[in-house]
Amino acid sequence: MAIRTVLRMGDPILLQKAAAVTQFDTPELHALIQDMQDTMAHMNGAGIAAPQIGVSLRVVIFGVGSNPRYPDAEQVPYTVLINPALTPVGGEQEDGWEGCLSVPGFRGVVPRYERLHYTGFDQYGNSIDRLVSGFHARVVQHECDHLDGILYPMRIQDLTKFGFTDVLFPNQDIQDD
């Protein structure tokens, strides 16, 4: 198991636009994805982007089954998504609480598109093409923002809905992000 250090907000790598992956099914790409999987699982994350572990490539992974950090969330299939392209479907947005492994201990309300069409590739170069909504759409948007140097606090519109998790949710056992 290779659990990597997750960079925290303020690290300049998190503000960069990540480079596209040009070769698929390589030992280096598989090792990166394994490290991302191990790190995400260790931290009970819903997803993680390569820049969060210091690798500025357009690679995200996500998936939510039974997750103690998101007890009420709908399930999201485990996905490796490389070189993603996101297109909102309709203009409807929905506010929702988000946290981030790179912004530990905080939560904030972020507007996201309710419905989303995304495309990209898996680690073998197979194409992915999905139409999603709800929590799945939110997770994809959050993770893919990391590839463009955007962290969720940058999208918060009402800073009264941003703060320490243990203060905002004092009677809930929400783990640190």
N, C-alpha and C. Protein backbone atom coordinates (compact mmCIF):
# COMPACT_ATOMS: atom_id res chain seq x y z
N MET A 1 0.84 -1.18 0.00
CA MET A 1 0.00 0.00 0.00
C MET A 1 0.88 1.24 0.00
N ALA A 2 0.59 2.17 -0.92
CA ALA A 2 1.38 3.40 -1.00
C ALA A 2 0.49 4.59 -0.72
N ILE A 3 0.39 4.96 0.55
CA ILE A 3 -0.41 6.11 0.93
C ILE A 3 0.47 7.34 0.78
N ARG A 4 0.01 8.27 -0.05
CA ARG A 4 0.79 9.47 -0.34
C ARG A 4 0.29 10.64 0.53
N THR A 5 1.14 11.60 0.72
CA THR A 5 0.77 12.83 1.41
C THR A 5 -0.16 13.62 0.51
N VAL A 6 -1.27 14.08 1.08
CA VAL A 6 -2.20 14.92 0.33
C VAL A 6 -1.81 16.38 0.54
N LEU A 7 -1.57 17.08 -0.56
CA LEU A 7 -1.22 18.49 -0.48
C LEU A 7 -2.40 19.28 0.05
N ARG A 8 -2.09 20.32 0.81
CA ARG A 8 -3.15 21.14 1.39
C ARG A 8 -3.23 22.48 0.67
N MET A 9 -4.43 23.07 0.75
CA MET A 9 -4.70 24.35 0.12
C MET A 9 -3.60 25.34 0.51
N GLY A 10 -3.07 25.99 -0.49
CA GLY A 10 -1.94 26.90 -0.32
C GLY A 10 -0.72 26.40 -1.07
N ASP A 11 -0.67 25.08 -1.33
CA ASP A 11 0.44 24.52 -2.10
C ASP A 11 0.27 24.96 -3.56
N PRO A 12 1.32 25.51 -4.17
CA PRO A 12 1.19 26.02 -5.55
C PRO A 12 0.82 24.95 -6.59
N ILE A 13 1.15 23.69 -6.35
CA ILE A 13 0.78 22.64 -7.31
C ILE A 13 -0.74 22.56 -7.46
N LEU A 14 -1.46 22.82 -6.37
CA LEU A 14 -2.92 22.73 -6.40
C LEU A 14 -3.56 23.86 -7.21
N LEU A 15 -2.79 24.87 -7.55
CA LEU A 15 -3.31 26.00 -8.32
C LEU A 15 -2.97 25.92 -9.81
N GLN A 16 -2.26 24.89 -10.20
CA GLN A 16 -1.85 24.74 -11.60
C GLN A 16 -2.91 24.03 -12.43
N LYS A 17 -2.89 24.31 -13.74
CA LYS A 17 -3.69 23.52 -14.67
C LYS A 17 -2.86 22.28 -14.99
N ALA A 18 -3.43 21.11 -14.73
CA ALA A 18 -2.70 19.85 -14.91
C ALA A 18 -2.55 19.51 -16.40
N ALA A 19 -1.49 18.79 -16.71
CA ALA A 19 -1.19 18.37 -18.09
C ALA A 19 -2.01 17.14 -18.47
N ALA A 20 -2.34 17.05 -19.73
CA ALA A 20 -3.07 15.88 -20.25
C ALA A 20 -2.17 14.65 -20.23
N VAL A 21 -2.80 13.51 -20.01
CA VAL A 21 -2.11 12.23 -20.10
C VAL A 21 -2.00 11.89 -21.60
N THR A 22 -0.81 11.51 -22.03
CA THR A 22 -0.61 11.22 -23.46
C THR A 22 -0.40 9.74 -23.74
N GLN A 23 -0.09 8.96 -22.69
CA GLN A 23 0.11 7.51 -22.87
C GLN A 23 -0.70 6.77 -21.82
N PHE A 24 -1.43 5.77 -22.29
CA PHE A 24 -2.28 4.98 -21.41
C PHE A 24 -1.65 3.60 -21.21
N ASP A 25 -2.14 2.90 -20.18
CA ASP A 25 -1.74 1.52 -19.90
C ASP A 25 -0.23 1.38 -19.73
N THR A 26 0.36 2.34 -19.01
CA THR A 26 1.79 2.29 -18.72
C THR A 26 1.99 1.92 -17.25
N PRO A 27 3.13 1.35 -16.92
CA PRO A 27 3.40 1.04 -15.50
C PRO A 27 3.33 2.28 -14.61
N GLU A 28 3.79 3.43 -15.12
CA GLU A 28 3.77 4.66 -14.34
C GLU A 28 2.34 5.12 -14.05
N LEU A 29 1.47 5.03 -15.06
CA LEU A 29 0.08 5.43 -14.87
C LEU A 29 -0.63 4.49 -13.90
N HIS A 30 -0.39 3.18 -14.04
CA HIS A 30 -1.01 2.23 -13.12
C HIS A 30 -0.52 2.45 -11.69
N ALA A 31 0.76 2.76 -11.52
CA ALA A 31 1.31 3.01 -10.17
C ALA A 31 0.68 4.28 -9.57
N LEU A 32 0.52 5.32 -10.38
CA LEU A 32 -0.11 6.55 -9.91
C LEU A 32 -1.54 6.26 -9.44
N ILE A 33 -2.30 5.53 -10.25
CA ILE A 33 -3.69 5.23 -9.90
C ILE A 33 -3.76 4.38 -8.63
N GLN A 34 -2.84 3.43 -8.49
CA GLN A 34 -2.82 2.61 -7.27
C GLN A 34 -2.53 3.48 -6.04
N ASP A 35 -1.58 4.40 -6.16
CA ASP A 35 -1.28 5.31 -5.05
C ASP A 35 -2.49 6.18 -4.72
N MET A 36 -3.20 6.64 -5.75
CA MET A 36 -4.40 7.44 -5.53
C MET A 36 -5.47 6.61 -4.83
N GLN A 37 -5.66 5.38 -5.27
CA GLN A 37 -6.65 4.48 -4.64
C GLN A 37 -6.31 4.26 -3.17
N ASP A 38 -5.05 3.93 -2.90
CA ASP A 38 -4.63 3.66 -1.52
C ASP A 38 -4.83 4.88 -0.63
N THR A 39 -4.47 6.05 -1.15
CA THR A 39 -4.59 7.29 -0.38
C THR A 39 -6.05 7.64 -0.13
N MET A 40 -6.88 7.54 -1.18
CA MET A 40 -8.30 7.85 -1.05
C MET A 40 -8.97 6.90 -0.05
N ALA A 41 -8.66 5.62 -0.14
CA ALA A 41 -9.26 4.64 0.77
C ALA A 41 -8.82 4.90 2.22
N HIS A 42 -7.54 5.19 2.41
CA HIS A 42 -7.01 5.46 3.75
C HIS A 42 -7.72 6.65 4.39
N MET A 43 -8.08 7.64 3.58
CA MET A 43 -8.68 8.87 4.11
C MET A 43 -10.20 8.89 3.98
N ASN A 44 -10.80 7.77 3.54
CA ASN A 44 -12.25 7.68 3.35
C ASN A 44 -12.77 8.78 2.43
N GLY A 45 -12.01 9.07 1.38
CA GLY A 45 -12.43 10.09 0.43
C GLY A 45 -13.45 9.57 -0.57
N ALA A 46 -14.22 10.51 -1.13
CA ALA A 46 -15.17 10.18 -2.20
C ALA A 46 -14.46 10.22 -3.54
N GLY A 47 -13.32 10.89 -3.57
CA GLY A 47 -12.54 11.01 -4.79
C GLY A 47 -11.22 11.68 -4.49
N ILE A 48 -10.34 11.63 -5.47
CA ILE A 48 -9.05 12.31 -5.33
C ILE A 48 -8.52 12.58 -6.74
N ALA A 49 -7.81 13.67 -6.86
CA ALA A 49 -7.20 14.06 -8.14
C ALA A 49 -5.69 13.95 -8.01
N ALA A 50 -5.04 13.61 -9.10
CA ALA A 50 -3.58 13.45 -9.08
C ALA A 50 -2.85 14.67 -8.52
N PRO A 51 -3.27 15.91 -8.85
CA PRO A 51 -2.55 17.05 -8.27
C PRO A 51 -2.57 17.07 -6.74
N GLN A 52 -3.57 16.45 -6.13
CA GLN A 52 -3.63 16.44 -4.67
C GLN A 52 -2.51 15.63 -4.04
N ILE A 53 -1.91 14.72 -4.82
CA ILE A 53 -0.76 13.98 -4.30
C ILE A 53 0.53 14.43 -5.01
N GLY A 54 0.47 15.63 -5.61
CA GLY A 54 1.66 16.25 -6.16
C GLY A 54 2.00 15.88 -7.59
N VAL A 55 1.07 15.26 -8.30
CA VAL A 55 1.30 14.86 -9.70
C VAL A 55 0.37 15.67 -10.58
N SER A 56 0.92 16.59 -11.35
CA SER A 56 0.11 17.51 -12.14
C SER A 56 -0.28 16.89 -13.48
N LEU A 57 -1.14 15.86 -13.39
CA LEU A 57 -1.70 15.20 -14.57
C LEU A 57 -3.22 15.17 -14.45
N ARG A 58 -3.91 15.11 -15.59
CA ARG A 58 -5.37 15.15 -15.61
C ARG A 58 -5.95 13.76 -15.35
N VAL A 59 -5.81 13.33 -14.09
CA VAL A 59 -6.29 12.03 -13.64
C VAL A 59 -7.07 12.23 -12.35
N VAL A 60 -8.31 11.71 -12.32
CA VAL A 60 -9.09 11.69 -11.09
C VAL A 60 -9.65 10.29 -10.90
N ILE A 61 -9.88 9.95 -9.66
CA ILE A 61 -10.62 8.73 -9.35
C ILE A 61 -11.70 9.11 -8.36
N PHE A 62 -12.81 8.40 -8.40
CA PHE A 62 -13.89 8.66 -7.46
C PHE A 62 -14.76 7.43 -7.36
N GLY A 63 -15.53 7.40 -6.32
CA GLY A 63 -16.46 6.31 -6.10
C GLY A 63 -16.92 6.31 -4.66
N VAL A 64 -18.20 6.09 -4.48
CA VAL A 64 -18.75 6.08 -3.13
C VAL A 64 -19.66 4.87 -3.00
N GLY A 65 -19.29 3.99 -2.10
CA GLY A 65 -20.16 2.89 -1.73
C GLY A 65 -20.71 3.25 -0.37
N SER A 66 -20.32 2.54 0.64
CA SER A 66 -20.65 2.87 2.01
C SER A 66 -19.46 3.66 2.55
N ASN A 67 -19.67 4.96 2.79
CA ASN A 67 -18.58 5.82 3.20
C ASN A 67 -18.97 6.57 4.47
N PRO A 68 -18.19 6.41 5.57
CA PRO A 68 -18.54 7.07 6.82
C PRO A 68 -18.56 8.59 6.71
N ARG A 69 -17.83 9.16 5.77
CA ARG A 69 -17.83 10.61 5.61
C ARG A 69 -19.06 11.09 4.86
N TYR A 70 -19.73 10.20 4.13
CA TYR A 70 -20.92 10.57 3.35
C TYR A 70 -22.02 9.54 3.59
N PRO A 71 -22.52 9.45 4.83
CA PRO A 71 -23.45 8.37 5.18
C PRO A 71 -24.77 8.41 4.42
N ASP A 72 -25.20 9.59 3.97
CA ASP A 72 -26.49 9.72 3.30
C ASP A 72 -26.36 9.83 1.78
N ALA A 73 -25.15 9.73 1.27
CA ALA A 73 -24.93 9.92 -0.17
C ALA A 73 -25.34 8.69 -0.96
N GLU A 74 -25.85 8.97 -2.15
CA GLU A 74 -26.15 7.88 -3.08
C GLU A 74 -24.84 7.25 -3.54
N GLN A 75 -24.89 6.02 -3.96
CA GLN A 75 -23.67 5.35 -4.41
C GLN A 75 -23.22 5.90 -5.75
N VAL A 76 -21.91 5.98 -5.91
CA VAL A 76 -21.30 6.43 -7.15
C VAL A 76 -20.33 5.34 -7.56
N PRO A 77 -20.42 4.83 -8.80
CA PRO A 77 -19.52 3.74 -9.19
C PRO A 77 -18.06 4.17 -9.20
N TYR A 78 -17.20 3.26 -8.75
CA TYR A 78 -15.76 3.55 -8.76
C TYR A 78 -15.33 3.80 -10.21
N THR A 79 -14.64 4.90 -10.42
CA THR A 79 -14.25 5.31 -11.77
C THR A 79 -12.85 5.90 -11.77
N VAL A 80 -12.07 5.50 -12.76
CA VAL A 80 -10.82 6.17 -13.09
C VAL A 80 -11.15 7.02 -14.32
N LEU A 81 -10.94 8.33 -14.22
CA LEU A 81 -11.29 9.24 -15.30
C LEU A 81 -10.07 10.08 -15.66
N ILE A 82 -9.64 9.94 -16.91
CA ILE A 82 -8.43 10.61 -17.38
C ILE A 82 -8.79 11.55 -18.52
N ASN A 83 -8.19 12.73 -18.52
CA ASN A 83 -8.44 13.76 -19.54
C ASN A 83 -9.94 14.04 -19.69
N PRO A 84 -10.62 14.33 -18.57
CA PRO A 84 -12.07 14.51 -18.64
C PRO A 84 -12.50 15.78 -19.35
N ALA A 85 -13.69 15.69 -19.93
CA ALA A 85 -14.38 16.85 -20.49
C ALA A 85 -15.78 16.85 -19.88
N LEU A 86 -16.18 17.97 -19.27
CA LEU A 86 -17.47 18.08 -18.59
C LEU A 86 -18.35 19.08 -19.32
N THR A 87 -19.60 18.70 -19.50
CA THR A 87 -20.59 19.58 -20.12
C THR A 87 -21.85 19.58 -19.26
N PRO A 88 -22.21 20.74 -18.70
CA PRO A 88 -23.46 20.79 -17.93
C PRO A 88 -24.65 20.49 -18.85
N VAL A 89 -25.65 19.82 -18.31
CA VAL A 89 -26.88 19.54 -19.04
C VAL A 89 -27.95 20.41 -18.39
N GLY A 90 -28.39 21.42 -19.12
CA GLY A 90 -29.30 22.40 -18.52
C GLY A 90 -28.50 23.32 -17.62
N GLY A 91 -29.12 24.35 -17.16
CA GLY A 91 -28.39 25.33 -16.34
C GLY A 91 -28.67 25.23 -14.86
N GLU A 92 -29.49 24.23 -14.46
CA GLU A 92 -29.88 24.16 -13.06
C GLU A 92 -28.69 23.81 -12.17
N GLN A 93 -28.56 24.59 -11.11
CA GLN A 93 -27.53 24.32 -10.12
C GLN A 93 -28.19 24.04 -8.78
N GLU A 94 -27.45 23.34 -7.95
CA GLU A 94 -27.94 22.98 -6.62
C GLU A 94 -26.82 23.24 -5.62
N ASP A 95 -27.17 23.83 -4.49
CA ASP A 95 -26.20 24.04 -3.43
C ASP A 95 -26.06 22.75 -2.62
N GLY A 96 -24.83 22.45 -2.21
CA GLY A 96 -24.59 21.28 -1.38
C GLY A 96 -23.31 21.44 -0.58
N TRP A 97 -23.27 20.78 0.57
CA TRP A 97 -22.08 20.82 1.42
C TRP A 97 -20.97 19.98 0.80
N GLU A 98 -19.76 20.51 0.81
CA GLU A 98 -18.60 19.79 0.32
C GLU A 98 -17.46 19.92 1.32
N GLY A 99 -16.60 18.92 1.27
CA GLY A 99 -15.34 18.94 1.99
C GLY A 99 -14.27 18.51 1.01
N CYS A 100 -13.03 18.53 1.45
CA CYS A 100 -11.95 18.18 0.53
C CYS A 100 -10.75 17.69 1.34
N LEU A 101 -10.11 16.66 0.83
CA LEU A 101 -8.92 16.13 1.50
C LEU A 101 -7.81 17.17 1.57
N SER A 102 -7.82 18.16 0.66
CA SER A 102 -6.81 19.21 0.64
C SER A 102 -7.19 20.43 1.50
N VAL A 103 -8.39 20.40 2.05
CA VAL A 103 -8.86 21.48 2.93
C VAL A 103 -9.40 20.81 4.19
N PRO A 104 -8.52 20.16 4.96
CA PRO A 104 -8.97 19.34 6.09
C PRO A 104 -9.65 20.14 7.19
N GLY A 105 -10.73 19.54 7.69
CA GLY A 105 -11.41 20.12 8.83
C GLY A 105 -12.46 21.17 8.49
N PHE A 106 -12.69 21.42 7.21
CA PHE A 106 -13.64 22.44 6.80
C PHE A 106 -14.73 21.85 5.91
N ARG A 107 -15.87 22.53 5.88
CA ARG A 107 -16.97 22.23 4.96
C ARG A 107 -17.52 23.56 4.46
N GLY A 108 -18.10 23.50 3.26
CA GLY A 108 -18.72 24.71 2.71
C GLY A 108 -19.81 24.35 1.72
N VAL A 109 -20.75 25.27 1.54
CA VAL A 109 -21.82 25.08 0.58
C VAL A 109 -21.37 25.60 -0.78
N VAL A 110 -21.44 24.72 -1.78
CA VAL A 110 -20.95 25.01 -3.13
C VAL A 110 -22.07 24.76 -4.13
N PRO A 111 -22.30 25.72 -5.05
CA PRO A 111 -23.26 25.45 -6.13
C PRO A 111 -22.60 24.58 -7.21
N ARG A 112 -23.32 23.57 -7.66
CA ARG A 112 -22.84 22.70 -8.74
C ARG A 112 -24.00 22.42 -9.69
N TYR A 113 -23.66 22.12 -10.93
CA TYR A 113 -24.69 21.73 -11.89
C TYR A 113 -25.33 20.42 -11.44
N GLU A 114 -26.65 20.35 -11.54
CA GLU A 114 -27.39 19.16 -11.11
C GLU A 114 -27.19 17.99 -12.05
N ARG A 115 -27.11 18.29 -13.36
CA ARG A 115 -26.95 17.23 -14.37
C ARG A 115 -25.70 17.52 -15.19
N LEU A 116 -25.00 16.44 -15.54
CA LEU A 116 -23.70 16.59 -16.17
C LEU A 116 -23.45 15.46 -17.17
N HIS A 117 -22.88 15.81 -18.29
CA HIS A 117 -22.39 14.82 -19.25
C HIS A 117 -20.87 14.89 -19.18
N TYR A 118 -20.24 13.74 -18.93
CA TYR A 118 -18.77 13.76 -18.92
C TYR A 118 -18.22 12.64 -19.78
N THR A 119 -17.06 12.94 -20.35
CA THR A 119 -16.34 11.98 -21.17
C THR A 119 -14.89 11.99 -20.74
N GLY A 120 -14.18 10.96 -21.14
CA GLY A 120 -12.76 10.84 -20.84
C GLY A 120 -12.34 9.42 -21.13
N PHE A 121 -11.30 8.99 -20.45
CA PHE A 121 -10.74 7.66 -20.69
C PHE A 121 -10.39 7.00 -19.37
N ASP A 122 -10.37 5.67 -19.37
CA ASP A 122 -9.86 4.95 -18.22
C ASP A 122 -8.35 4.76 -18.40
N GLN A 123 -7.72 4.05 -17.48
CA GLN A 123 -6.26 3.92 -17.52
C GLN A 123 -5.76 3.10 -18.71
N TYR A 124 -6.65 2.37 -19.37
CA TYR A 124 -6.27 1.55 -20.52
C TYR A 124 -6.52 2.27 -21.84
N GLY A 125 -7.10 3.48 -21.78
CA GLY A 125 -7.41 4.23 -22.99
C GLY A 125 -8.80 3.97 -23.52
N ASN A 126 -9.62 3.20 -22.78
CA ASN A 126 -11.02 2.98 -23.18
C ASN A 126 -11.82 4.24 -22.89
N SER A 127 -12.73 4.59 -23.80
CA SER A 127 -13.50 5.81 -23.60
C SER A 127 -14.60 5.61 -22.56
N ILE A 128 -14.89 6.70 -21.87
CA ILE A 128 -15.95 6.78 -20.87
C ILE A 128 -16.88 7.89 -21.32
N ASP A 129 -18.18 7.62 -21.27
CA ASP A 129 -19.18 8.60 -21.69
C ASP A 129 -20.41 8.40 -20.81
N ARG A 130 -20.68 9.35 -19.91
CA ARG A 130 -21.77 9.18 -18.94
C ARG A 130 -22.60 10.45 -18.81
N LEU A 131 -23.87 10.23 -18.56
CA LEU A 131 -24.80 11.29 -18.20
C LEU A 131 -25.21 11.02 -16.76
N VAL A 132 -24.92 11.97 -15.86
CA VAL A 132 -25.14 11.74 -14.43
C VAL A 132 -25.85 12.93 -13.80
N SER A 133 -26.32 12.71 -12.57
CA SER A 133 -26.98 13.78 -11.83
C SER A 133 -26.70 13.60 -10.34
N GLY A 134 -27.17 14.56 -9.55
CA GLY A 134 -27.08 14.46 -8.11
C GLY A 134 -25.66 14.42 -7.57
N PHE A 135 -25.47 13.57 -6.56
CA PHE A 135 -24.18 13.48 -5.88
C PHE A 135 -23.07 13.05 -6.84
N HIS A 136 -23.38 12.14 -7.78
CA HIS A 136 -22.40 11.70 -8.76
C HIS A 136 -21.88 12.92 -9.55
N ALA A 137 -22.80 13.76 -10.02
CA ALA A 137 -22.40 14.95 -10.78
C ALA A 137 -21.56 15.89 -9.91
N ARG A 138 -21.93 16.02 -8.64
CA ARG A 138 -21.18 16.90 -7.73
C ARG A 138 -19.76 16.40 -7.53
N VAL A 139 -19.60 15.10 -7.30
CA VAL A 139 -18.26 14.54 -7.07
C VAL A 139 -17.38 14.74 -8.30
N VAL A 140 -17.91 14.49 -9.48
CA VAL A 140 -17.12 14.65 -10.72
C VAL A 140 -16.67 16.10 -10.88
N GLN A 141 -17.60 17.04 -10.67
CA GLN A 141 -17.24 18.45 -10.81
C GLN A 141 -16.18 18.86 -9.81
N HIS A 142 -16.33 18.40 -8.57
CA HIS A 142 -15.36 18.74 -7.52
C HIS A 142 -13.97 18.21 -7.88
N GLU A 143 -13.89 16.93 -8.26
CA GLU A 143 -12.58 16.34 -8.57
C GLU A 143 -11.96 16.98 -9.81
N CYS A 144 -12.76 17.20 -10.83
CA CYS A 144 -12.22 17.77 -12.07
C CYS A 144 -11.79 19.23 -11.89
N ASP A 145 -12.41 19.95 -10.95
CA ASP A 145 -11.93 21.30 -10.64
C ASP A 145 -10.45 21.28 -10.25
N HIS A 146 -10.04 20.24 -9.53
CA HIS A 146 -8.63 20.14 -9.12
C HIS A 146 -7.69 20.15 -10.32
N LEU A 147 -8.15 19.66 -11.45
CA LEU A 147 -7.30 19.60 -12.64
C LEU A 147 -7.08 20.98 -13.27
N ASP A 148 -7.93 21.93 -12.87
CA ASP A 148 -7.81 23.30 -13.38
C ASP A 148 -7.36 24.27 -12.30
N GLY A 149 -6.85 23.74 -11.18
CA GLY A 149 -6.33 24.59 -10.11
C GLY A 149 -7.40 25.26 -9.27
N ILE A 150 -8.58 24.64 -9.19
CA ILE A 150 -9.69 25.22 -8.43
C ILE A 150 -10.00 24.31 -7.23
N LEU A 151 -10.04 24.90 -6.05
CA LEU A 151 -10.46 24.19 -4.85
C LEU A 151 -11.84 24.72 -4.46
N TYR A 152 -12.65 23.87 -3.83
CA TYR A 152 -14.06 24.22 -3.61
C TYR A 152 -14.27 25.55 -2.89
N PRO A 153 -13.40 26.00 -1.93
CA PRO A 153 -13.67 27.30 -1.31
C PRO A 153 -13.71 28.45 -2.33
N MET A 154 -13.04 28.28 -3.46
CA MET A 154 -13.04 29.31 -4.50
C MET A 154 -14.41 29.44 -5.16
N ARG A 155 -15.26 28.43 -5.00
CA ARG A 155 -16.60 28.45 -5.61
C ARG A 155 -17.71 28.81 -4.62
N ILE A 156 -17.37 28.95 -3.36
CA ILE A 156 -18.37 29.29 -2.35
C ILE A 156 -18.86 30.72 -2.60
N GLN A 157 -20.18 30.87 -2.61
CA GLN A 157 -20.76 32.19 -2.85
C GLN A 157 -21.18 32.90 -1.57
N ASP A 158 -21.44 32.14 -0.51
CA ASP A 158 -21.87 32.70 0.76
C ASP A 158 -20.93 32.17 1.85
N LEU A 159 -19.98 33.00 2.25
CA LEU A 159 -18.97 32.55 3.21
C LEU A 159 -19.52 32.32 4.61
N THR A 160 -20.80 32.67 4.86
CA THR A 160 -21.40 32.30 6.14
C THR A 160 -21.69 30.80 6.17
N LYS A 161 -21.60 30.15 5.02
CA LYS A 161 -21.81 28.70 4.93
C LYS A 161 -20.48 28.00 4.64
N PHE A 162 -19.46 28.43 5.34
CA PHE A 162 -18.12 27.84 5.24
C PHE A 162 -17.50 27.91 6.62
N GLY A 163 -16.99 26.77 7.09
CA GLY A 163 -16.37 26.81 8.40
C GLY A 163 -15.83 25.45 8.81
N PHE A 164 -15.40 25.39 10.05
CA PHE A 164 -14.87 24.16 10.60
C PHE A 164 -15.98 23.13 10.72
N THR A 165 -15.70 21.93 10.28
CA THR A 165 -16.68 20.85 10.30
C THR A 165 -17.22 20.61 11.70
N ASP A 166 -16.36 20.58 12.71
CA ASP A 166 -16.81 20.27 14.07
C ASP A 166 -17.65 21.38 14.68
N VAL A 167 -17.54 22.61 14.16
CA VAL A 167 -18.36 23.72 14.63
C VAL A 167 -19.70 23.73 13.90
N LEU A 168 -19.65 23.50 12.58
CA LEU A 168 -20.88 23.50 11.78
C LEU A 168 -21.79 22.32 12.11
N PHE A 169 -21.18 21.18 12.41
CA PHE A 169 -21.93 19.94 12.66
C PHE A 169 -21.49 19.33 13.99
N PRO A 170 -21.76 20.02 15.12
CA PRO A 170 -21.21 19.60 16.41
C PRO A 170 -21.70 18.24 16.91
N ASN A 171 -22.87 17.82 16.53
CA ASN A 171 -23.42 16.57 17.06
C ASN A 171 -23.35 15.43 16.05
N GLN A 172 -22.58 15.62 14.98
CA GLN A 172 -22.45 14.58 13.97
C GLN A 172 -21.03 14.07 13.96
N ASP A 173 -20.89 12.80 13.69
CA ASP A 173 -19.56 12.20 13.63
C ASP A 173 -19.07 12.25 12.19
N ILE A 174 -18.75 13.47 11.74
CA ILE A 174 -18.21 13.64 10.39
C ILE A 174 -16.70 13.69 10.53
N GLN A 175 -16.06 12.77 9.85
CA GLN A 175 -14.60 12.69 9.97
C GLN A 175 -13.94 13.87 9.29
N ASP A 176 -12.75 14.16 9.75
CA ASP A 176 -11.93 15.20 9.15
C ASP A 176 -11.66 14.84 7.70
N ASP A 177 -11.72 15.83 6.83
CA ASP A 177 -11.46 15.58 5.40
C ASP A 177 -9.98 15.54 5.13
